[in-house]
Amino acid sequence: MEHNFGRTCRENGIEHRTTKVKHPWTNGQVERMNHTIKEATVRRYHYESHQQLQARLADFVGAYNLGRRLKTLNGLTPYEHRQNLGKRAPAIHPKTDPANAGTKQLDNRKAERGDGVLI
């Protein structure tokens, strides 16, 4: 029997990775996000019901995804990053772009401000 979490990951093409047992420091980014969520919700407010907590959490996640600019996403918000996932920036060096494998570069111009670069 498959768990809901595993099924949801599989249906959305997500690879579920786990860390080693008793090694939480290997999962630092997730632990930091958990701390951020906790600080913005349960440590800051008192809730009369579970529904109030759920509503506050939904508000926080929405505000975070739409308004928080992150260094790890090159200054984009999570929403902006997600919107850009389907768009591919042109590669200046064809060897770095797997889509150009075995093709010749016809455009040898220098990079200009605003050009996308794949590294």
N, C-alpha and C. Protein backbone atom coordinates (compact mmCIF):
# COMPACT_ATOMS: atom_id res chain seq x y z
N MET A 1 0.84 -1.18 0.00
CA MET A 1 0.00 0.00 0.00
C MET A 1 0.88 1.24 0.00
N GLU A 2 0.62 2.14 -0.92
CA GLU A 2 1.41 3.36 -1.05
C GLU A 2 0.80 4.47 -0.18
N HIS A 3 1.67 5.23 0.50
CA HIS A 3 1.21 6.35 1.31
C HIS A 3 0.84 7.53 0.43
N ASN A 4 -0.02 8.42 0.95
CA ASN A 4 -0.45 9.60 0.22
C ASN A 4 0.74 10.46 -0.21
N PHE A 5 1.70 10.64 0.68
CA PHE A 5 2.86 11.47 0.38
C PHE A 5 3.64 10.91 -0.80
N GLY A 6 3.93 9.62 -0.75
CA GLY A 6 4.66 8.97 -1.83
C GLY A 6 3.92 9.04 -3.15
N ARG A 7 2.64 8.84 -3.11
CA ARG A 7 1.82 8.89 -4.33
C ARG A 7 1.82 10.31 -4.90
N THR A 8 1.66 11.31 -4.02
CA THR A 8 1.65 12.70 -4.49
C THR A 8 3.00 13.06 -5.12
N CYS A 9 4.09 12.65 -4.50
CA CYS A 9 5.41 12.90 -5.08
C CYS A 9 5.53 12.24 -6.45
N ARG A 10 5.16 10.98 -6.55
CA ARG A 10 5.25 10.25 -7.81
C ARG A 10 4.41 10.91 -8.89
N GLU A 11 3.19 11.30 -8.57
CA GLU A 11 2.28 11.91 -9.54
C GLU A 11 2.78 13.26 -10.04
N ASN A 12 3.60 13.93 -9.23
CA ASN A 12 4.11 15.25 -9.61
C ASN A 12 5.57 15.23 -10.04
N GLY A 13 6.11 14.04 -10.24
CA GLY A 13 7.48 13.93 -10.71
C GLY A 13 8.52 14.40 -9.71
N ILE A 14 8.22 14.26 -8.42
CA ILE A 14 9.13 14.70 -7.36
C ILE A 14 9.87 13.50 -6.81
N GLU A 15 11.19 13.62 -6.73
CA GLU A 15 12.01 12.57 -6.13
C GLU A 15 12.11 12.84 -4.63
N HIS A 16 11.60 11.94 -3.82
CA HIS A 16 11.64 12.10 -2.37
C HIS A 16 12.97 11.56 -1.87
N ARG A 17 13.77 12.45 -1.29
CA ARG A 17 15.06 12.05 -0.73
C ARG A 17 15.01 12.20 0.78
N THR A 18 15.65 11.32 1.46
CA THR A 18 15.72 11.41 2.92
C THR A 18 17.17 11.56 3.36
N THR A 19 17.35 12.06 4.57
CA THR A 19 18.69 12.22 5.10
C THR A 19 19.03 11.00 5.96
N LYS A 20 20.30 10.90 6.31
CA LYS A 20 20.72 9.81 7.18
C LYS A 20 20.07 9.97 8.55
N VAL A 21 19.79 8.87 9.18
CA VAL A 21 19.22 8.88 10.52
C VAL A 21 20.21 9.54 11.48
N LYS A 22 19.70 10.39 12.35
CA LYS A 22 20.48 11.11 13.37
C LYS A 22 21.53 12.05 12.76
N HIS A 23 21.25 12.59 11.56
CA HIS A 23 22.13 13.56 10.91
C HIS A 23 21.30 14.74 10.40
N PRO A 24 20.59 15.48 11.28
CA PRO A 24 19.71 16.55 10.81
C PRO A 24 20.45 17.70 10.14
N TRP A 25 21.75 17.87 10.43
CA TRP A 25 22.49 18.98 9.83
C TRP A 25 22.65 18.81 8.32
N THR A 26 22.45 17.59 7.80
CA THR A 26 22.54 17.39 6.35
C THR A 26 21.30 17.92 5.65
N ASN A 27 20.31 18.30 6.42
CA ASN A 27 19.06 18.80 5.87
C ASN A 27 18.84 20.24 6.34
N GLY A 28 19.89 21.03 6.34
CA GLY A 28 19.86 22.37 6.92
C GLY A 28 18.87 23.32 6.30
N GLN A 29 18.69 23.28 4.98
CA GLN A 29 17.78 24.21 4.33
C GLN A 29 16.34 23.97 4.79
N VAL A 30 15.95 22.71 4.88
CA VAL A 30 14.60 22.38 5.33
C VAL A 30 14.43 22.74 6.80
N GLU A 31 15.45 22.46 7.60
CA GLU A 31 15.37 22.80 9.02
C GLU A 31 15.24 24.31 9.22
N ARG A 32 15.95 25.09 8.41
CA ARG A 32 15.85 26.54 8.51
C ARG A 32 14.46 27.03 8.13
N MET A 33 13.87 26.43 7.10
CA MET A 33 12.51 26.81 6.69
C MET A 33 11.51 26.44 7.78
N ASN A 34 11.68 25.28 8.38
CA ASN A 34 10.79 24.88 9.48
C ASN A 34 10.87 25.90 10.62
N HIS A 35 12.08 26.36 10.93
CA HIS A 35 12.27 27.37 11.97
C HIS A 35 11.56 28.68 11.60
N THR A 36 11.70 29.11 10.36
CA THR A 36 11.06 30.34 9.88
C THR A 36 9.54 30.24 10.01
N ILE A 37 8.98 29.12 9.61
CA ILE A 37 7.52 28.93 9.69
C ILE A 37 7.07 28.95 11.15
N LYS A 38 7.81 28.27 11.99
CA LYS A 38 7.45 28.22 13.41
C LYS A 38 7.49 29.61 14.04
N GLU A 39 8.52 30.39 13.71
CA GLU A 39 8.65 31.75 14.23
C GLU A 39 7.48 32.63 13.79
N ALA A 40 7.02 32.44 12.56
CA ALA A 40 5.95 33.28 12.02
C ALA A 40 4.56 32.84 12.45
N THR A 41 4.44 31.67 13.04
CA THR A 41 3.11 31.16 13.38
C THR A 41 3.00 30.85 14.88
N VAL A 42 3.39 29.70 15.29
CA VAL A 42 3.11 29.24 16.66
C VAL A 42 3.87 29.99 17.75
N ARG A 43 5.00 30.57 17.45
CA ARG A 43 5.73 31.32 18.48
C ARG A 43 5.28 32.77 18.56
N ARG A 44 4.53 33.22 17.59
CA ARG A 44 4.13 34.62 17.55
C ARG A 44 2.68 34.84 17.95
N TYR A 45 1.82 33.87 17.73
CA TYR A 45 0.40 34.03 17.97
C TYR A 45 -0.17 32.89 18.81
N HIS A 46 -1.27 33.18 19.49
CA HIS A 46 -2.03 32.15 20.20
C HIS A 46 -3.26 31.85 19.35
N TYR A 47 -3.56 30.59 19.15
CA TYR A 47 -4.69 30.19 18.31
C TYR A 47 -5.75 29.51 19.16
N GLU A 48 -6.98 29.90 18.93
CA GLU A 48 -8.11 29.30 19.64
C GLU A 48 -8.46 27.94 19.06
N SER A 49 -8.10 27.73 17.80
CA SER A 49 -8.45 26.46 17.14
C SER A 49 -7.39 26.10 16.10
N HIS A 50 -7.45 24.86 15.68
CA HIS A 50 -6.56 24.37 14.64
C HIS A 50 -6.84 25.09 13.31
N GLN A 51 -8.09 25.43 13.08
CA GLN A 51 -8.47 26.14 11.85
C GLN A 51 -7.82 27.53 11.79
N GLN A 52 -7.70 28.21 12.93
CA GLN A 52 -7.02 29.50 12.96
C GLN A 52 -5.55 29.35 12.59
N LEU A 53 -4.92 28.31 13.12
CA LEU A 53 -3.52 28.05 12.79
C LEU A 53 -3.38 27.75 11.29
N GLN A 54 -4.27 26.93 10.76
CA GLN A 54 -4.21 26.61 9.33
C GLN A 54 -4.38 27.86 8.47
N ALA A 55 -5.29 28.74 8.86
CA ALA A 55 -5.51 29.97 8.10
C ALA A 55 -4.27 30.85 8.15
N ARG A 56 -3.67 31.00 9.32
CA ARG A 56 -2.46 31.81 9.48
C ARG A 56 -1.31 31.21 8.67
N LEU A 57 -1.17 29.90 8.70
CA LEU A 57 -0.11 29.23 7.95
C LEU A 57 -0.30 29.45 6.45
N ALA A 58 -1.54 29.34 5.97
CA ALA A 58 -1.81 29.57 4.55
C ALA A 58 -1.48 31.01 4.16
N ASP A 59 -1.82 31.97 5.02
CA ASP A 59 -1.49 33.37 4.76
C ASP A 59 0.03 33.58 4.71
N PHE A 60 0.73 32.96 5.66
CA PHE A 60 2.19 33.10 5.70
C PHE A 60 2.83 32.51 4.45
N VAL A 61 2.43 31.31 4.07
CA VAL A 61 3.01 30.66 2.90
C VAL A 61 2.75 31.49 1.64
N GLY A 62 1.54 32.02 1.51
CA GLY A 62 1.24 32.87 0.35
C GLY A 62 2.10 34.12 0.32
N ALA A 63 2.24 34.79 1.46
CA ALA A 63 3.06 36.00 1.53
C ALA A 63 4.53 35.68 1.27
N TYR A 64 5.00 34.57 1.80
CA TYR A 64 6.40 34.16 1.60
C TYR A 64 6.67 33.87 0.13
N ASN A 65 5.80 33.10 -0.49
CA ASN A 65 6.01 32.71 -1.88
C ASN A 65 5.91 33.87 -2.85
N LEU A 66 5.10 34.86 -2.52
CA LEU A 66 4.90 35.99 -3.43
C LEU A 66 5.79 37.19 -3.11
N GLY A 67 6.30 37.28 -1.87
CA GLY A 67 6.99 38.49 -1.49
C GLY A 67 8.42 38.34 -1.01
N ARG A 68 8.84 37.16 -0.65
CA ARG A 68 10.18 36.98 -0.07
C ARG A 68 11.22 36.72 -1.16
N ARG A 69 12.15 37.65 -1.33
CA ARG A 69 13.22 37.48 -2.32
C ARG A 69 14.36 36.70 -1.65
N LEU A 70 14.82 35.66 -2.32
CA LEU A 70 15.79 34.75 -1.73
C LEU A 70 17.12 34.77 -2.48
N LYS A 71 18.22 34.80 -1.73
CA LYS A 71 19.54 34.75 -2.35
C LYS A 71 19.74 33.46 -3.15
N THR A 72 19.23 32.36 -2.62
CA THR A 72 19.41 31.08 -3.29
C THR A 72 18.67 31.01 -4.62
N LEU A 73 17.74 31.92 -4.85
CA LEU A 73 17.01 31.97 -6.12
C LEU A 73 17.42 33.22 -6.92
N ASN A 74 18.62 33.70 -6.65
CA ASN A 74 19.15 34.88 -7.35
C ASN A 74 18.25 36.10 -7.22
N GLY A 75 17.70 36.30 -6.04
CA GLY A 75 16.88 37.48 -5.77
C GLY A 75 15.44 37.38 -6.21
N LEU A 76 15.02 36.23 -6.72
CA LEU A 76 13.63 36.04 -7.11
C LEU A 76 12.81 35.56 -5.92
N THR A 77 11.51 35.78 -5.99
CA THR A 77 10.62 35.17 -5.01
C THR A 77 10.40 33.72 -5.45
N PRO A 78 9.96 32.85 -4.54
CA PRO A 78 9.65 31.48 -4.96
C PRO A 78 8.65 31.44 -6.12
N TYR A 79 7.66 32.33 -6.10
CA TYR A 79 6.67 32.37 -7.18
C TYR A 79 7.33 32.73 -8.51
N GLU A 80 8.18 33.77 -8.50
CA GLU A 80 8.86 34.17 -9.73
C GLU A 80 9.75 33.05 -10.26
N HIS A 81 10.45 32.38 -9.34
CA HIS A 81 11.31 31.26 -9.74
C HIS A 81 10.49 30.15 -10.39
N ARG A 82 9.37 29.84 -9.79
CA ARG A 82 8.49 28.79 -10.32
C ARG A 82 7.97 29.17 -11.71
N GLN A 83 7.64 30.45 -11.90
CA GLN A 83 7.16 30.92 -13.20
C GLN A 83 8.24 30.79 -14.26
N ASN A 84 9.50 30.95 -13.86
CA ASN A 84 10.61 30.91 -14.82
C ASN A 84 11.10 29.49 -15.12
N LEU A 85 10.65 28.49 -14.40
CA LEU A 85 11.14 27.14 -14.61
C LEU A 85 10.88 26.64 -16.03
N GLY A 86 9.76 27.02 -16.60
CA GLY A 86 9.44 26.56 -17.94
C GLY A 86 10.14 27.33 -19.04
N LYS A 87 10.73 28.46 -18.71
CA LYS A 87 11.41 29.29 -19.70
C LYS A 87 12.89 28.98 -19.68
N ARG A 88 13.46 28.73 -20.80
CA ARG A 88 14.90 28.44 -20.87
C ARG A 88 15.63 29.64 -21.41
N ALA A 89 16.62 30.07 -20.70
CA ALA A 89 17.45 31.18 -21.18
C ALA A 89 18.40 30.66 -22.25
N PRO A 90 18.72 31.48 -23.26
CA PRO A 90 19.66 31.03 -24.28
C PRO A 90 21.05 30.87 -23.70
N ALA A 91 21.74 29.86 -24.13
CA ALA A 91 23.10 29.62 -23.65
C ALA A 91 24.08 30.40 -24.50
N ILE A 92 25.04 31.04 -23.87
CA ILE A 92 26.07 31.75 -24.61
C ILE A 92 27.15 30.77 -25.05
N HIS A 93 27.42 29.79 -24.22
CA HIS A 93 28.40 28.76 -24.55
C HIS A 93 27.64 27.46 -24.83
N PRO A 94 27.58 27.03 -26.08
CA PRO A 94 26.76 25.86 -26.41
C PRO A 94 27.20 24.59 -25.72
N LYS A 95 28.46 24.47 -25.32
CA LYS A 95 28.92 23.27 -24.65
C LYS A 95 28.27 23.10 -23.28
N THR A 96 27.81 24.20 -22.68
CA THR A 96 27.19 24.13 -21.36
C THR A 96 25.71 23.81 -21.44
N ASP A 97 25.14 23.85 -22.63
CA ASP A 97 23.71 23.61 -22.81
C ASP A 97 23.50 22.24 -23.44
N PRO A 98 22.96 21.26 -22.70
CA PRO A 98 22.75 19.92 -23.25
C PRO A 98 21.87 19.92 -24.50
N ALA A 99 20.99 20.91 -24.64
CA ALA A 99 20.12 20.96 -25.82
C ALA A 99 20.90 21.25 -27.09
N ASN A 100 22.11 21.81 -26.97
CA ASN A 100 22.92 22.14 -28.13
C ASN A 100 23.99 21.10 -28.42
N ALA A 101 23.95 19.98 -27.75
CA ALA A 101 24.98 18.97 -27.94
C ALA A 101 25.02 18.55 -29.41
N GLY A 102 26.21 18.60 -30.00
CA GLY A 102 26.38 18.18 -31.38
C GLY A 102 25.96 19.20 -32.41
N THR A 103 25.64 20.42 -32.01
CA THR A 103 25.26 21.46 -32.97
C THR A 103 26.30 22.56 -32.98
N LYS A 104 26.33 23.31 -34.06
CA LYS A 104 27.28 24.42 -34.18
C LYS A 104 26.65 25.69 -33.63
N GLN A 105 27.47 26.53 -33.05
CA GLN A 105 27.01 27.84 -32.58
C GLN A 105 27.09 28.79 -33.77
N LEU A 106 25.95 29.40 -34.12
CA LEU A 106 25.91 30.32 -35.24
C LEU A 106 25.97 31.77 -34.78
N ASP A 107 25.62 32.03 -33.54
CA ASP A 107 25.57 33.39 -33.03
C ASP A 107 26.75 33.59 -32.09
N ASN A 108 27.80 34.24 -32.57
CA ASN A 108 29.02 34.42 -31.77
C ASN A 108 29.12 35.81 -31.15
N ARG A 109 28.01 36.51 -31.03
CA ARG A 109 28.05 37.86 -30.47
C ARG A 109 28.37 37.81 -28.99
N LYS A 110 28.81 38.94 -28.44
CA LYS A 110 29.11 39.05 -27.02
C LYS A 110 27.81 39.14 -26.23
N ALA A 111 27.87 38.73 -25.00
CA ALA A 111 26.71 38.83 -24.12
C ALA A 111 26.40 40.28 -23.84
N GLU A 112 25.11 40.59 -23.76
CA GLU A 112 24.66 41.94 -23.46
C GLU A 112 23.81 41.90 -22.21
N ARG A 113 23.67 43.05 -21.58
CA ARG A 113 22.86 43.15 -20.38
C ARG A 113 21.44 42.65 -20.69
N GLY A 114 20.91 41.80 -19.84
CA GLY A 114 19.56 41.26 -20.03
C GLY A 114 19.57 39.90 -20.71
N ASP A 115 20.71 39.49 -21.29
CA ASP A 115 20.79 38.15 -21.88
C ASP A 115 20.75 37.10 -20.77
N GLY A 116 20.11 36.01 -21.03
CA GLY A 116 20.12 34.90 -20.08
C GLY A 116 21.36 34.06 -20.30
N VAL A 117 21.92 33.53 -19.23
CA VAL A 117 23.11 32.72 -19.33
C VAL A 117 22.90 31.45 -18.52
N LEU A 118 23.16 30.31 -19.12
CA LEU A 118 23.14 29.05 -18.38
C LEU A 118 24.56 28.73 -17.94
N ILE A 119 24.71 28.40 -16.69
CA ILE A 119 26.04 28.10 -16.19
C ILE A 119 26.09 26.64 -15.82
